[in-house]
Amino acid sequence: MSLTISEVDKVAALAKLQFSAEEKQKLADELAQIVAYMEKLNELVTEKIAPTSHVIDLKNVYREDEVESSLTQEDALKNAPARRHGYFSVPKVIG
């Protein structure tokens, strides 16, 4: 399948790109090769293959939630480089 320069112009406009005449011709040739390669997929017989979203089975790897006691305020601030009035103290970054 051959792509025209006007089709390359449409794709370039959608992507907000600008190309020289040489680049457009090169892109037309390269895109035509890509489309031709993708058309080979139409030759595959896929009627008996179930649709999948992943090639391998995925399992949920999360552990079960367990209720535990939380840190005390003192434990949470134990390694803080600076604290003030029982909270983390950080430099002011917004004027």
C-alpha atoms as a PDB file:
ATOM      1  CA  MET A   1       0.000   0.000   0.000  1.00  0.00           C
ATOM      2  CA  SER A   2       1.317   3.394  -0.925  1.00  0.00           C
ATOM      3  CA  LEU A   3       0.689   6.475   1.144  1.00  0.00           C
ATOM      4  CA  THR A   4       0.302   9.848  -0.505  1.00  0.00           C
ATOM      5  CA  ILE A   5       1.950  13.064   0.543  1.00  0.00           C
ATOM      6  CA  SER A   6      -1.502  14.467   1.406  1.00  0.00           C
ATOM      7  CA  GLU A   7      -2.010  11.584   3.867  1.00  0.00           C
ATOM      8  CA  VAL A   8       1.361  12.356   5.429  1.00  0.00           C
ATOM      9  CA  ASP A   9       0.276  16.007   5.645  1.00  0.00           C
ATOM     10  CA  LYS A  10      -2.901  14.974   7.491  1.00  0.00           C
ATOM     11  CA  VAL A  11      -0.960  12.862   9.998  1.00  0.00           C
ATOM     12  CA  ALA A  12       1.608  15.634  10.451  1.00  0.00           C
ATOM     13  CA  ALA A  13      -1.149  18.176  11.068  1.00  0.00           C
ATOM     14  CA  LEU A  14      -2.751  15.926  13.687  1.00  0.00           C
ATOM     15  CA  ALA A  15       0.626  15.579  15.413  1.00  0.00           C
ATOM     16  CA  LYS A  16       1.314  19.317  14.962  1.00  0.00           C
ATOM     17  CA  LEU A  17       4.531  18.561  13.071  1.00  0.00           C
ATOM     18  CA  GLN A  18       6.053  20.231  10.047  1.00  0.00           C
ATOM     19  CA  PHE A  19       8.251  18.486   7.491  1.00  0.00           C
ATOM     20  CA  SER A  20      10.159  19.455   4.379  1.00  0.00           C
ATOM     21  CA  ALA A  21       9.195  17.950   1.014  1.00  0.00           C
ATOM     22  CA  GLU A  22      12.076  15.448   1.296  1.00  0.00           C
ATOM     23  CA  GLU A  23      11.018  14.403   4.786  1.00  0.00           C
ATOM     24  CA  LYS A  24       7.401  13.986   3.689  1.00  0.00           C
ATOM     25  CA  GLN A  25       8.436  11.642   0.876  1.00  0.00           C
ATOM     26  CA  LYS A  26      10.668   9.630   3.200  1.00  0.00           C
ATOM     27  CA  LEU A  27       7.865   9.408   5.779  1.00  0.00           C
ATOM     28  CA  ALA A  28       5.378   8.335   3.114  1.00  0.00           C
ATOM     29  CA  ASP A  29       7.689   5.474   2.110  1.00  0.00           C
ATOM     30  CA  GLU A  30       8.389   4.428   5.714  1.00  0.00           C
ATOM     31  CA  LEU A  31       4.739   4.593   6.760  1.00  0.00           C
ATOM     32  CA  ALA A  32       3.767   2.553   3.692  1.00  0.00           C
ATOM     33  CA  GLN A  33       6.232  -0.140   4.772  1.00  0.00           C
ATOM     34  CA  ILE A  34       4.770  -0.136   8.300  1.00  0.00           C
ATOM     35  CA  VAL A  35       1.205  -0.419   6.992  1.00  0.00           C
ATOM     36  CA  ALA A  36       2.200  -3.235   4.632  1.00  0.00           C
ATOM     37  CA  TYR A  37       3.811  -5.111   7.501  1.00  0.00           C
ATOM     38  CA  MET A  38       0.735  -4.671   9.684  1.00  0.00           C
ATOM     39  CA  GLU A  39      -1.505  -5.901   6.861  1.00  0.00           C
ATOM     40  CA  LYS A  40       0.295  -9.250   7.110  1.00  0.00           C
ATOM     41  CA  LEU A  41      -1.560  -9.764  10.388  1.00  0.00           C
ATOM     42  CA  ASN A  42      -4.779 -10.032   8.378  1.00  0.00           C
ATOM     43  CA  GLU A  43      -3.408 -13.263   6.893  1.00  0.00           C
ATOM     44  CA  LEU A  44      -3.409 -14.977  10.281  1.00  0.00           C
ATOM     45  CA  VAL A  45      -6.266 -17.325  11.139  1.00  0.00           C
ATOM     46  CA  THR A  46      -7.498 -16.175  14.548  1.00  0.00           C
ATOM     47  CA  GLU A  47     -11.072 -17.474  14.708  1.00  0.00           C
ATOM     48  CA  LYS A  48     -10.276 -20.183  17.253  1.00  0.00           C
ATOM     49  CA  ILE A  49      -8.098 -17.997  19.460  1.00  0.00           C
ATOM     50  CA  ALA A  50      -9.782 -16.426  22.461  1.00  0.00           C
ATOM     51  CA  PRO A  51      -9.275 -12.673  22.859  1.00  0.00           C
ATOM     52  CA  THR A  52      -6.796 -11.761  25.581  1.00  0.00           C
ATOM     53  CA  SER A  53      -5.633  -8.592  27.202  1.00  0.00           C
ATOM     54  CA  HIS A  54      -2.397 -10.187  28.461  1.00  0.00           C
ATOM     55  CA  VAL A  55      -0.280 -12.959  27.071  1.00  0.00           C
ATOM     56  CA  ILE A  56       0.294 -14.497  30.497  1.00  0.00           C
ATOM     57  CA  ASP A  57      -2.194 -15.001  33.299  1.00  0.00           C
ATOM     58  CA  LEU A  58      -2.008 -12.266  35.883  1.00  0.00           C
ATOM     59  CA  LYS A  59      -2.705 -12.755  39.542  1.00  0.00           C
ATOM     60  CA  ASN A  60      -3.335 -10.232  42.250  1.00  0.00           C
ATOM     61  CA  VAL A  61      -0.076 -10.044  44.185  1.00  0.00           C
ATOM     62  CA  TYR A  62      -1.392  -7.915  47.022  1.00  0.00           C
ATOM     63  CA  ARG A  63      -1.425  -9.325  50.519  1.00  0.00           C
ATOM     64  CA  GLU A  64      -4.540  -9.388  52.626  1.00  0.00           C
ATOM     65  CA  ASP A  65      -5.152  -6.282  54.708  1.00  0.00           C
ATOM     66  CA  GLU A  66      -4.436  -6.709  58.369  1.00  0.00           C
ATOM     67  CA  VAL A  67      -5.411  -4.235  61.034  1.00  0.00           C
ATOM     68  CA  GLU A  68      -2.381  -3.214  63.054  1.00  0.00           C
ATOM     69  CA  SER A  69      -1.637  -0.432  65.476  1.00  0.00           C
ATOM     70  CA  SER A  70      -0.202   2.698  63.913  1.00  0.00           C
ATOM     71  CA  LEU A  71       2.906   4.606  64.892  1.00  0.00           C
ATOM     72  CA  THR A  72       2.745   7.016  67.749  1.00  0.00           C
ATOM     73  CA  GLN A  73       3.449  10.630  66.941  1.00  0.00           C
ATOM     74  CA  GLU A  74       6.767  10.374  68.757  1.00  0.00           C
ATOM     75  CA  ASP A  75       7.797   7.251  66.791  1.00  0.00           C
ATOM     76  CA  ALA A  76       6.853   8.893  63.483  1.00  0.00           C
ATOM     77  CA  LEU A  77       8.975  11.955  64.291  1.00  0.00           C
ATOM     78  CA  LYS A  78      11.853   9.990  65.806  1.00  0.00           C
ATOM     79  CA  ASN A  79      14.169  10.330  62.764  1.00  0.00           C
ATOM     80  CA  ALA A  80      12.876  13.664  61.472  1.00  0.00           C
ATOM     81  CA  PRO A  81      15.726  16.107  60.848  1.00  0.00           C
ATOM     82  CA  ALA A  82      13.547  18.949  62.123  1.00  0.00           C
ATOM     83  CA  ARG A  83      10.235  19.122  63.955  1.00  0.00           C
ATOM     84  CA  ARG A  84       8.087  21.834  65.391  1.00  0.00           C
ATOM     85  CA  HIS A  85       5.096  21.599  67.726  1.00  0.00           C
ATOM     86  CA  GLY A  86       4.816  17.828  67.167  1.00  0.00           C
ATOM     87  CA  TYR A  87       4.943  17.966  63.333  1.00  0.00           C
ATOM     88  CA  PHE A  88       7.575  17.647  60.604  1.00  0.00           C
ATOM     89  CA  SER A  89       9.241  20.980  59.918  1.00  0.00           C
ATOM     90  CA  VAL A  90      10.235  21.677  56.337  1.00  0.00           C
ATOM     91  CA  PRO A  91      11.622  24.757  54.579  1.00  0.00           C
ATOM     92  CA  LYS A  92       9.088  27.156  53.118  1.00  0.00           C
ATOM     93  CA  VAL A  93       9.050  26.723  49.338  1.00  0.00           C
ATOM     94  CA  ILE A  94       6.194  29.008  48.320  1.00  0.00           C
ATOM     95  CA  GLY A  95       6.700  32.727  48.877  1.00  0.00           C
END
